């Protein structure tokens, strides 16, 4: 079986994960940036790559991908990475992973 659910309806997978991991909707506004500092907000694909590298780079030996996603997304470092008024999101992946391990930038 593949590591991902290629044949599954993405909306069904999303709904299953929301239920299984008891995810709740937040109130974070990703577009709330200082227009003088940020000309363009990174795309979902760009940020997905940032988080994918962080999850893989900090993975625990017995951890599956979903648990890794929850571990990283529940860490305070996400507040810094998702703050596009600073430069954290475009730092090299090893810098972001080191910051995660050290508790911040």
PDB file of N, CA and C in Angstrom:
ATOM      1  N   UNK A   1       0.840  -1.185   0.000  1.00  0.00           N
ATOM      2  CA  UNK A   1       0.000   0.000   0.000  1.00  0.00           C
ATOM      3  C   UNK A   1       0.880   1.242   0.000  1.00  0.00           C
ATOM      4  N   UNK A   2       0.493   2.229  -0.722  1.00  0.00           N
ATOM      5  CA  UNK A   2       1.262   3.476  -0.813  1.00  0.00           C
ATOM      6  C   UNK A   2       1.219   4.220   0.517  1.00  0.00           C
ATOM      7  N   UNK A   3       2.233   5.074   0.727  1.00  0.00           N
ATOM      8  CA  UNK A   3       2.288   5.881   1.944  1.00  0.00           C
ATOM      9  C   UNK A   3       1.181   6.922   1.995  1.00  0.00           C
ATOM     10  N   UNK A   4       0.619   7.256   0.855  1.00  0.00           N
ATOM     11  CA  UNK A   4      -0.456   8.247   0.803  1.00  0.00           C
ATOM     12  C   UNK A   4      -1.677   7.631   0.147  1.00  0.00           C
ATOM     13  N   UNK A   5      -2.797   8.252   0.333  1.00  0.00           N
ATOM     14  CA  UNK A   5      -4.059   7.720  -0.171  1.00  0.00           C
ATOM     15  C   UNK A   5      -4.390   8.336  -1.525  1.00  0.00           C
ATOM     16  N   UNK A   6      -3.661   7.911  -2.571  1.00  0.00           N
ATOM     17  CA  UNK A   6      -3.805   8.500  -3.901  1.00  0.00           C
ATOM     18  C   UNK A   6      -5.217   8.376  -4.467  1.00  0.00           C
ATOM     19  N   UNK A   7      -5.886   7.257  -4.222  1.00  0.00           N
ATOM     20  CA  UNK A   7      -7.183   7.010  -4.836  1.00  0.00           C
ATOM     21  C   UNK A   7      -8.345   7.536  -3.998  1.00  0.00           C
ATOM     22  N   UNK A   8      -8.056   8.026  -2.818  1.00  0.00           N
ATOM     23  CA  UNK A   8      -9.115   8.500  -1.932  1.00  0.00           C
ATOM     24  C   UNK A   8      -9.543   9.919  -2.290  1.00  0.00           C
ATOM     25  N   UNK A   9     -10.783  10.227  -2.022  1.00  0.00           N
ATOM     26  CA  UNK A   9     -11.293  11.577  -2.191  1.00  0.00           C
ATOM     27  C   UNK A   9     -10.636  12.462  -1.121  1.00  0.00           C
ATOM     28  N   UNK A  10      -9.925  13.526  -1.526  1.00  0.00           N
ATOM     29  CA  UNK A  10      -9.227  14.368  -0.540  1.00  0.00           C
ATOM     30  C   UNK A  10     -10.150  14.927   0.540  1.00  0.00           C
ATOM     31  N   UNK A  11     -11.370  15.271   0.187  1.00  0.00           N
ATOM     32  CA  UNK A  11     -12.321  15.804   1.172  1.00  0.00           C
ATOM     33  C   UNK A  11     -12.664  14.747   2.212  1.00  0.00           C
ATOM     34  N   UNK A  12     -12.795  13.482   1.774  1.00  0.00           N
ATOM     35  CA  UNK A  12     -13.077  12.397   2.716  1.00  0.00           C
ATOM     36  C   UNK A  12     -11.903  12.183   3.664  1.00  0.00           C
ATOM     37  N   UNK A  13     -10.686  12.228   3.116  1.00  0.00           N
ATOM     38  CA  UNK A  13      -9.491  12.075   3.952  1.00  0.00           C
ATOM     39  C   UNK A  13      -9.423  13.214   4.964  1.00  0.00           C
ATOM     40  N   UNK A  14      -9.682  14.433   4.496  1.00  0.00           N
ATOM     41  CA  UNK A  14      -9.689  15.600   5.392  1.00  0.00           C
ATOM     42  C   UNK A  14     -10.702  15.407   6.517  1.00  0.00           C
ATOM     43  N   UNK A  15     -11.918  15.012   6.168  1.00  0.00           N
ATOM     44  CA  UNK A  15     -12.962  14.803   7.175  1.00  0.00           C
ATOM     45  C   UNK A  15     -12.576  13.704   8.157  1.00  0.00           C
ATOM     46  N   UNK A  16     -11.983  12.618   7.649  1.00  0.00           N
ATOM     47  CA  UNK A  16     -11.545  11.524   8.519  1.00  0.00           C
ATOM     48  C   UNK A  16     -10.484  11.995   9.505  1.00  0.00           C
ATOM     49  N   UNK A  17      -9.510  12.766   9.023  1.00  0.00           N
ATOM     50  CA  UNK A  17      -8.436  13.260   9.901  1.00  0.00           C
ATOM     51  C   UNK A  17      -8.984  14.238  10.927  1.00  0.00           C
ATOM     52  N   UNK A  18      -9.893  15.104  10.519  1.00  0.00           N
ATOM     53  CA  UNK A  18     -10.488  16.064  11.459  1.00  0.00           C
ATOM     54  C   UNK A  18     -11.179  15.311  12.590  1.00  0.00           C
ATOM     55  N   UNK A  19     -11.908  14.269  12.246  1.00  0.00           N
ATOM     56  CA  UNK A  19     -12.607  13.483  13.267  1.00  0.00           C
ATOM     57  C   UNK A  19     -11.627  12.669  14.113  1.00  0.00           C
ATOM     58  N   UNK A  20     -10.701  11.975  13.463  1.00  0.00           N
ATOM     59  CA  UNK A  20      -9.782  11.092  14.182  1.00  0.00           C
ATOM     60  C   UNK A  20      -8.852  11.847  15.127  1.00  0.00           C
ATOM     61  N   UNK A  21      -8.424  13.028  14.722  1.00  0.00           N
ATOM     62  CA  UNK A  21      -7.463  13.789  15.527  1.00  0.00           C
ATOM     63  C   UNK A  21      -8.116  14.971  16.252  1.00  0.00           C
ATOM     64  N   UNK A  22      -9.437  15.020  16.219  1.00  0.00           N
ATOM     65  CA  UNK A  22     -10.216  16.036  16.929  1.00  0.00           C
ATOM     66  C   UNK A  22      -9.692  17.450  16.646  1.00  0.00           C
ATOM     67  N   UNK A  23      -9.492  17.739  15.362  1.00  0.00           N
ATOM     68  CA  UNK A  23      -8.975  19.041  14.953  1.00  0.00           C
ATOM     69  C   UNK A  23     -10.078  20.088  15.029  1.00  0.00           C
ATOM     70  N   UNK A  24      -9.690  21.272  15.425  1.00  0.00           N
ATOM     71  CA  UNK A  24     -10.646  22.372  15.561  1.00  0.00           C
ATOM     72  C   UNK A  24     -10.215  23.543  14.684  1.00  0.00           C
ATOM     73  N   UNK A  25     -11.181  24.284  14.186  1.00  0.00           N
ATOM     74  CA  UNK A  25     -10.909  25.452  13.353  1.00  0.00           C
ATOM     75  C   UNK A  25     -10.355  26.573  14.225  1.00  0.00           C
ATOM     76  N   UNK A  26      -9.276  27.181  13.765  1.00  0.00           N
ATOM     77  CA  UNK A  26      -8.674  28.293  14.487  1.00  0.00           C
ATOM     78  C   UNK A  26      -9.122  29.628  13.923  1.00  0.00           C
ATOM     79  N   UNK A  27      -8.512  30.699  14.433  1.00  0.00           N
ATOM     80  CA  UNK A  27      -8.880  32.033  13.964  1.00  0.00           C
ATOM     81  C   UNK A  27      -7.679  32.791  13.406  1.00  0.00           C
ATOM     82  N   UNK A  28      -6.633  32.059  13.043  1.00  0.00           N
ATOM     83  CA  UNK A  28      -5.425  32.677  12.518  1.00  0.00           C
ATOM     84  C   UNK A  28      -5.675  33.185  11.104  1.00  0.00           C
ATOM     85  N   UNK A  29      -5.339  34.436  10.847  1.00  0.00           N
ATOM     86  CA  UNK A  29      -5.509  35.032   9.516  1.00  0.00           C
ATOM     87  C   UNK A  29      -4.142  35.140   8.851  1.00  0.00           C
ATOM     88  N   UNK A  30      -3.870  34.251   7.932  1.00  0.00           N
ATOM     89  CA  UNK A  30      -2.561  34.179   7.284  1.00  0.00           C
ATOM     90  C   UNK A  30      -2.267  35.410   6.429  1.00  0.00           C
ATOM     91  N   UNK A  31      -3.304  36.119   6.034  1.00  0.00           N
ATOM     92  CA  UNK A  31      -3.124  37.295   5.176  1.00  0.00           C
ATOM     93  C   UNK A  31      -2.926  38.587   5.969  1.00  0.00           C
ATOM     94  N   UNK A  32      -2.918  38.500   7.286  1.00  0.00           N
ATOM     95  CA  UNK A  32      -2.735  39.684   8.130  1.00  0.00           C
ATOM     96  C   UNK A  32      -1.242  39.977   8.251  1.00  0.00           C
ATOM     97  N   UNK A  33      -0.707  40.683   7.265  1.00  0.00           N
ATOM     98  CA  UNK A  33       0.731  40.979   7.217  1.00  0.00           C
ATOM     99  C   UNK A  33       0.951  42.472   7.025  1.00  0.00           C
ATOM    100  N   UNK A  34       2.154  42.908   7.356  1.00  0.00           N
ATOM    101  CA  UNK A  34       2.555  44.289   7.110  1.00  0.00           C
ATOM    102  C   UNK A  34       2.917  44.392   5.632  1.00  0.00           C
ATOM    103  N   UNK A  35       2.142  45.101   4.872  1.00  0.00           N
ATOM    104  CA  UNK A  35       2.337  45.193   3.418  1.00  0.00           C
ATOM    105  C   UNK A  35       3.676  45.825   3.040  1.00  0.00           C
ATOM    106  N   UNK A  36       4.295  46.579   3.953  1.00  0.00           N
ATOM    107  CA  UNK A  36       5.615  47.155   3.679  1.00  0.00           C
ATOM    108  C   UNK A  36       6.718  46.104   3.786  1.00  0.00           C
ATOM    109  N   UNK A  37       6.479  45.063   4.582  1.00  0.00           N
ATOM    110  CA  UNK A  37       7.476  44.009   4.771  1.00  0.00           C
ATOM    111  C   UNK A  37       7.260  42.819   3.845  1.00  0.00           C
ATOM    112  N   UNK A  38       6.027  42.590   3.463  1.00  0.00           N
ATOM    113  CA  UNK A  38       5.681  41.390   2.698  1.00  0.00           C
ATOM    114  C   UNK A  38       5.011  41.796   1.396  1.00  0.00           C
ATOM    115  N   UNK A  39       5.698  41.542   0.289  1.00  0.00           N
ATOM    116  CA  UNK A  39       5.114  41.858  -1.013  1.00  0.00           C
ATOM    117  C   UNK A  39       4.171  40.765  -1.488  1.00  0.00           C
ATOM    118  N   UNK A  40       4.528  39.515  -1.175  1.00  0.00           N
ATOM    119  CA  UNK A  40       3.706  38.388  -1.623  1.00  0.00           C
ATOM    120  C   UNK A  40       3.715  37.311  -0.547  1.00  0.00           C
ATOM    121  N   UNK A  41       2.544  36.860  -0.174  1.00  0.00           N
ATOM    122  CA  UNK A  41       2.418  35.782   0.809  1.00  0.00           C
ATOM    123  C   UNK A  41       2.802  34.476   0.119  1.00  0.00           C
ATOM    124  N   UNK A  42       3.594  33.619   0.781  1.00  0.00           N
ATOM    125  CA  UNK A  42       3.959  32.338   0.165  1.00  0.00           C
ATOM    126  C   UNK A  42       2.708  31.502  -0.146  1.00  0.00           C
ATOM    127  N   UNK A  43       2.807  30.703  -1.177  1.00  0.00           N
ATOM    128  CA  UNK A  43       1.677  29.855  -1.559  1.00  0.00           C
ATOM    129  C   UNK A  43       1.538  28.689  -0.581  1.00  0.00           C
ATOM    130  N   UNK A  44       0.384  28.050  -0.624  1.00  0.00           N
ATOM    131  CA  UNK A  44       0.163  26.865   0.206  1.00  0.00           C
ATOM    132  C   UNK A  44       1.185  25.787  -0.136  1.00  0.00           C
ATOM    133  N   UNK A  45       1.540  25.654  -1.407  1.00  0.00           N
ATOM    134  CA  UNK A  45       2.532  24.662  -1.825  1.00  0.00           C
ATOM    135  C   UNK A  45       3.902  24.982  -1.231  1.00  0.00           C
ATOM    136  N   UNK A  46       4.300  26.243  -1.256  1.00  0.00           N
ATOM    137  CA  UNK A  46       5.591  26.632  -0.682  1.00  0.00           C
ATOM    138  C   UNK A  46       5.630  26.332   0.814  1.00  0.00           C
ATOM    139  N   UNK A  47       4.572  26.690   1.516  1.00  0.00           N
ATOM    140  CA  UNK A  47       4.547  26.448   2.959  1.00  0.00           C
ATOM    141  C   UNK A  47       4.430  24.958   3.257  1.00  0.00           C
ATOM    142  N   UNK A  48       3.719  24.234   2.407  1.00  0.00           N
ATOM    143  CA  UNK A  48       3.648  22.785   2.575  1.00  0.00           C
ATOM    144  C   UNK A  48       5.021  22.151   2.509  1.00  0.00           C
ATOM    145  N   UNK A  49       5.858  22.639   1.601  1.00  0.00           N
ATOM    146  CA  UNK A  49       7.223  22.124   1.485  1.00  0.00           C
ATOM    147  C   UNK A  49       8.048  22.461   2.719  1.00  0.00           C
ATOM    148  N   UNK A  50       7.875  23.678   3.256  1.00  0.00           N
ATOM    149  CA  UNK A  50       8.588  24.069   4.480  1.00  0.00           C
ATOM    150  C   UNK A  50       8.219  23.111   5.612  1.00  0.00           C
ATOM    151  N   UNK A  51       6.930  22.894   5.792  1.00  0.00           N
ATOM    152  CA  UNK A  51       6.477  22.024   6.880  1.00  0.00           C
ATOM    153  C   UNK A  51       6.817  20.557   6.618  1.00  0.00           C
ATOM    154  N   UNK A  52       6.757  20.110   5.372  1.00  0.00           N
ATOM    155  CA  UNK A  52       7.122  18.729   5.059  1.00  0.00           C
ATOM    156  C   UNK A  52       8.568  18.465   5.446  1.00  0.00           C
ATOM    157  N   UNK A  53       9.459  19.381   5.084  1.00  0.00           N
ATOM    158  CA  UNK A  53      10.870  19.205   5.429  1.00  0.00           C
ATOM    159  C   UNK A  53      11.063  19.207   6.940  1.00  0.00           C
ATOM    160  N   UNK A  54      10.356  20.086   7.644  1.00  0.00           N
ATOM    161  CA  UNK A  54      10.487  20.137   9.100  1.00  0.00           C
ATOM    162  C   UNK A  54       9.990  18.847   9.736  1.00  0.00           C
ATOM    163  N   UNK A  55       8.882  18.331   9.268  1.00  0.00           N
ATOM    164  CA  UNK A  55       8.336  17.082   9.810  1.00  0.00           C
ATOM    165  C   UNK A  55       9.304  15.934   9.575  1.00  0.00           C
ATOM    166  N   UNK A  56       9.832  15.823   8.374  1.00  0.00           N
ATOM    167  CA  UNK A  56      10.762  14.732   8.044  1.00  0.00           C
ATOM    168  C   UNK A  56      12.093  14.912   8.780  1.00  0.00           C
ATOM    169  N   UNK A  57      12.605  16.139   8.820  1.00  0.00           N
ATOM    170  CA  UNK A  57      13.903  16.399   9.458  1.00  0.00           C
ATOM    171  C   UNK A  57      13.888  16.177  10.964  1.00  0.00           C
ATOM    172  N   UNK A  58      12.713  16.255  11.588  1.00  0.00           N
ATOM    173  CA  UNK A  58      12.632  16.103  13.043  1.00  0.00           C
ATOM    174  C   UNK A  58      11.859  14.857  13.452  1.00  0.00           C
ATOM    175  N   UNK A  59      11.599  13.966  12.501  1.00  0.00           N
ATOM    176  CA  UNK A  59      10.778  12.782  12.768  1.00  0.00           C
ATOM    177  C   UNK A  59      11.389  11.911  13.859  1.00  0.00           C
ATOM    178  N   UNK A  60      10.524  11.379  14.684  1.00  0.00           N
ATOM    179  CA  UNK A  60      10.923  10.416  15.698  1.00  0.00           C
ATOM    180  C   UNK A  60      10.986   9.040  15.045  1.00  0.00           C
ATOM    181  N   UNK A  61      11.803   8.152  15.555  1.00  0.00           N
ATOM    182  CA  UNK A  61      12.063   6.880  14.875  1.00  0.00           C
ATOM    183  C   UNK A  61      10.817   6.022  14.697  1.00  0.00           C
ATOM    184  N   UNK A  62       9.843   6.114  15.578  1.00  0.00           N
ATOM    185  CA  UNK A  62       8.655   5.256  15.490  1.00  0.00           C
ATOM    186  C   UNK A  62       7.393   6.048  15.152  1.00  0.00           C
ATOM    187  N   UNK A  63       7.557   7.201  14.544  1.00  0.00           N
ATOM    188  CA  UNK A  63       6.442   8.117  14.317  1.00  0.00           C
ATOM    189  C   UNK A  63       5.921   8.010  12.881  1.00  0.00           C
ATOM    190  N   UNK A  64       4.601   7.959  12.727  1.00  0.00           N
ATOM    191  CA  UNK A  64       4.039   7.994  11.375  1.00  0.00           C
ATOM    192  C   UNK A  64       3.862   9.451  10.954  1.00  0.00           C
ATOM    193  N   UNK A  65       3.549   9.656   9.685  1.00  0.00           N
ATOM    194  CA  UNK A  65       3.465  11.016   9.147  1.00  0.00           C
ATOM    195  C   UNK A  65       2.381  11.857   9.825  1.00  0.00           C
ATOM    196  N   UNK A  66       1.246  11.256  10.094  1.00  0.00           N
ATOM    197  CA  UNK A  66       0.153  12.015  10.705  1.00  0.00           C
ATOM    198  C   UNK A  66       0.552  12.491  12.098  1.00  0.00           C
ATOM    199  N   UNK A  67       1.178  11.617  12.877  1.00  0.00           N
ATOM    200  CA  UNK A  67       1.631  12.027  14.208  1.00  0.00           C
ATOM    201  C   UNK A  67       2.709  13.105  14.107  1.00  0.00           C
ATOM    202  N   UNK A  68       3.558  13.011  13.086  1.00  0.00           N
ATOM    203  CA  UNK A  68       4.572  14.042  12.865  1.00  0.00           C
ATOM    204  C   UNK A  68       3.949  15.382  12.524  1.00  0.00           C
ATOM    205  N   UNK A  69       2.912  15.356  11.697  1.00  0.00           N
ATOM    206  CA  UNK A  69       2.196  16.585  11.351  1.00  0.00           C
ATOM    207  C   UNK A  69       1.609  17.215  12.611  1.00  0.00           C
ATOM    208  N   UNK A  70       0.935  16.407  13.417  1.00  0.00           N
ATOM    209  CA  UNK A  70       0.319  16.931  14.645  1.00  0.00           C
ATOM    210  C   UNK A  70       1.378  17.457  15.606  1.00  0.00           C
ATOM    211  N   UNK A  71       2.508  16.752  15.728  1.00  0.00           N
ATOM    212  CA  UNK A  71       3.584  17.175  16.626  1.00  0.00           C
ATOM    213  C   UNK A  71       4.116  18.536  16.215  1.00  0.00           C
ATOM    214  N   UNK A  72       4.419  18.684  14.937  1.00  0.00           N
ATOM    215  CA  UNK A  72       4.991  19.947  14.457  1.00  0.00           C
ATOM    216  C   UNK A  72       3.961  21.067  14.507  1.00  0.00           C
ATOM    217  N   UNK A  73       2.749  20.812  14.032  1.00  0.00           N
ATOM    218  CA  UNK A  73       1.739  21.879  13.976  1.00  0.00           C
ATOM    219  C   UNK A  73       1.285  22.339  15.357  1.00  0.00           C
ATOM    220  N   UNK A  74       1.503  21.532  16.375  1.00  0.00           N
ATOM    221  CA  UNK A  74       1.150  21.935  17.738  1.00  0.00           C
ATOM    222  C   UNK A  74       2.321  22.569  18.474  1.00  0.00           C
ATOM    223  N   UNK A  75       3.419  22.820  17.782  1.00  0.00           N
ATOM    224  CA  UNK A  75       4.589  23.444  18.384  1.00  0.00           C
ATOM    225  C   UNK A  75       4.519  24.955  18.191  1.00  0.00           C
ATOM    226  N   UNK A  76       5.013  25.685  19.177  1.00  0.00           N
ATOM    227  CA  UNK A  76       4.990  27.152  19.111  1.00  0.00           C
ATOM    228  C   UNK A  76       5.781  27.718  17.937  1.00  0.00           C
ATOM    229  N   UNK A  77       6.701  26.940  17.373  1.00  0.00           N
ATOM    230  CA  UNK A  77       7.511  27.450  16.261  1.00  0.00           C
ATOM    231  C   UNK A  77       6.641  27.794  15.051  1.00  0.00           C
ATOM    232  N   UNK A  78       5.471  27.181  14.950  1.00  0.00           N
ATOM    233  CA  UNK A  78       4.565  27.489  13.830  1.00  0.00           C
ATOM    234  C   UNK A  78       4.139  28.950  13.846  1.00  0.00           C
ATOM    235  N   UNK A  79       4.000  29.523  15.033  1.00  0.00           N
ATOM    236  CA  UNK A  79       3.637  30.944  15.114  1.00  0.00           C
ATOM    237  C   UNK A  79       4.708  31.815  14.467  1.00  0.00           C
ATOM    238  N   UNK A  80       5.956  31.391  14.583  1.00  0.00           N
ATOM    239  CA  UNK A  80       7.061  32.148  13.992  1.00  0.00           C
ATOM    240  C   UNK A  80       7.145  31.878  12.493  1.00  0.00           C
ATOM    241  N   UNK A  81       7.078  30.608  12.107  1.00  0.00           N
ATOM    242  CA  UNK A  81       7.157  30.253  10.687  1.00  0.00           C
ATOM    243  C   UNK A  81       6.012  30.898   9.904  1.00  0.00           C
ATOM    244  N   UNK A  82       4.830  30.915  10.482  1.00  0.00           N
ATOM    245  CA  UNK A  82       3.657  31.466   9.797  1.00  0.00           C
ATOM    246  C   UNK A  82       3.552  32.982   9.895  1.00  0.00           C
ATOM    247  N   UNK A  83       4.480  33.618  10.584  1.00  0.00           N
ATOM    248  CA  UNK A  83       4.512  35.080  10.652  1.00  0.00           C
ATOM    249  C   UNK A  83       5.357  35.575   9.482  1.00  0.00           C
ATOM    250  N   UNK A  84       4.711  35.961   8.405  1.00  0.00           N
ATOM    251  CA  UNK A  84       5.426  36.350   7.197  1.00  0.00           C
ATOM    252  C   UNK A  84       6.062  37.723   7.300  1.00  0.00           C
ATOM    253  N   UNK A  85       5.866  38.409   8.432  1.00  0.00           N
ATOM    254  CA  UNK A  85       6.549  39.679   8.672  1.00  0.00           C
ATOM    255  C   UNK A  85       8.008  39.456   9.068  1.00  0.00           C
ATOM    256  N   UNK A  86       8.363  38.216   9.377  1.00  0.00           N
ATOM    257  CA  UNK A  86       9.760  37.889   9.684  1.00  0.00           C
ATOM    258  C   UNK A  86      10.277  36.923   8.620  1.00  0.00           C
ATOM    259  N   UNK A  87      11.500  36.513   8.732  1.00  0.00           N
ATOM    260  CA  UNK A  87      12.134  35.732   7.663  1.00  0.00           C
ATOM    261  C   UNK A  87      12.183  34.234   7.924  1.00  0.00           C
ATOM    262  N   UNK A  88      11.584  33.757   8.987  1.00  0.00           N
ATOM    263  CA  UNK A  88      11.754  32.357   9.378  1.00  0.00           C
ATOM    264  C   UNK A  88      11.325  31.374   8.297  1.00  0.00           C
ATOM    265  N   UNK A  89      10.243  31.652   7.590  1.00  0.00           N
ATOM    266  CA  UNK A  89       9.704  30.672   6.646  1.00  0.00           C
ATOM    267  C   UNK A  89      10.615  30.416   5.459  1.00  0.00           C
ATOM    268  N   UNK A  90      11.522  31.328   5.135  1.00  0.00           N
ATOM    269  CA  UNK A  90      12.405  31.051   4.000  1.00  0.00           C
ATOM    270  C   UNK A  90      13.846  30.761   4.418  1.00  0.00           C
ATOM    271  N   UNK A  91      14.060  30.481   5.700  1.00  0.00           N
ATOM    272  CA  UNK A  91      15.376  30.020   6.150  1.00  0.00           C
ATOM    273  C   UNK A  91      15.625  28.615   5.587  1.00  0.00           C
ATOM    274  N   UNK A  92      16.889  28.222   5.445  1.00  0.00           N
ATOM    275  CA  UNK A  92      17.179  26.852   5.007  1.00  0.00           C
ATOM    276  C   UNK A  92      16.564  25.835   5.975  1.00  0.00           C
ATOM    277  N   UNK A  93      16.208  24.677   5.449  1.00  0.00           N
ATOM    278  CA  UNK A  93      15.497  23.684   6.260  1.00  0.00           C
ATOM    279  C   UNK A  93      16.288  23.254   7.488  1.00  0.00           C
ATOM    280  N   UNK A  94      17.624  23.186   7.397  1.00  0.00           N
ATOM    281  CA  UNK A  94      18.390  22.770   8.574  1.00  0.00           C
ATOM    282  C   UNK A  94      18.342  23.829   9.675  1.00  0.00           C
ATOM    283  N   UNK A  95      18.205  25.092   9.309  1.00  0.00           N
ATOM    284  CA  UNK A  95      18.076  26.167  10.303  1.00  0.00           C
ATOM    285  C   UNK A  95      16.719  26.055  11.002  1.00  0.00           C
ATOM    286  N   UNK A  96      15.672  25.805  10.236  1.00  0.00           N
ATOM    287  CA  UNK A  96      14.338  25.660  10.820  1.00  0.00           C
ATOM    288  C   UNK A  96      14.297  24.434  11.727  1.00  0.00           C
ATOM    289  N   UNK A  97      14.881  23.318  11.284  1.00  0.00           N
ATOM    290  CA  UNK A  97      14.902  22.105  12.111  1.00  0.00           C
ATOM    291  C   UNK A  97      15.687  22.340  13.398  1.00  0.00           C
ATOM    292  N   UNK A  98      16.813  23.026  13.308  1.00  0.00           N
ATOM    293  CA  UNK A  98      17.608  23.326  14.505  1.00  0.00           C
ATOM    294  C   UNK A  98      16.820  24.223  15.455  1.00  0.00           C
ATOM    295  N   UNK A  99      16.133  25.212  14.909  1.00  0.00           N
ATOM    296  CA  UNK A  99      15.310  26.094  15.743  1.00  0.00           C
ATOM    297  C   UNK A  99      14.203  25.298  16.433  1.00  0.00           C
ATOM    298  N   UNK A 100      13.608  24.361  15.708  1.00  0.00           N
ATOM    299  CA  UNK A 100      12.574  23.508  16.301  1.00  0.00           C
ATOM    300  C   UNK A 100      13.161  22.720  17.471  1.00  0.00           C
ATOM    301  N   UNK A 101      14.309  22.104  17.253  1.00  0.00           N
ATOM    302  CA  UNK A 101      14.952  21.296  18.302  1.00  0.00           C
ATOM    303  C   UNK A 101      15.372  22.144  19.500  1.00  0.00           C
ATOM    304  N   UNK A 102      15.755  23.399  19.247  1.00  0.00           N
ATOM    305  CA  UNK A 102      16.234  24.286  20.314  1.00  0.00           C
ATOM    306  C   UNK A 102      15.117  25.099  20.962  1.00  0.00           C
ATOM    307  N   UNK A 103      13.909  24.953  20.489  1.00  0.00           N
ATOM    308  CA  UNK A 103      12.790  25.658  21.102  1.00  0.00           C
ATOM    309  C   UNK A 103      12.524  27.041  20.557  1.00  0.00           C
ATOM    310  N   UNK A 104      13.130  27.400  19.432  1.00  0.00           N
ATOM    311  CA  UNK A 104      12.859  28.697  18.818  1.00  0.00           C
ATOM    312  C   UNK A 104      14.044  29.224  18.048  1.00  0.00           C
ATOM    313  N   UNK A 105      13.825  30.307  17.342  1.00  0.00           N
ATOM    314  CA  UNK A 105      14.884  30.914  16.529  1.00  0.00           C
ATOM    315  C   UNK A 105      15.786  31.773  17.378  1.00  0.00           C
TER     316      UNK A 105
END
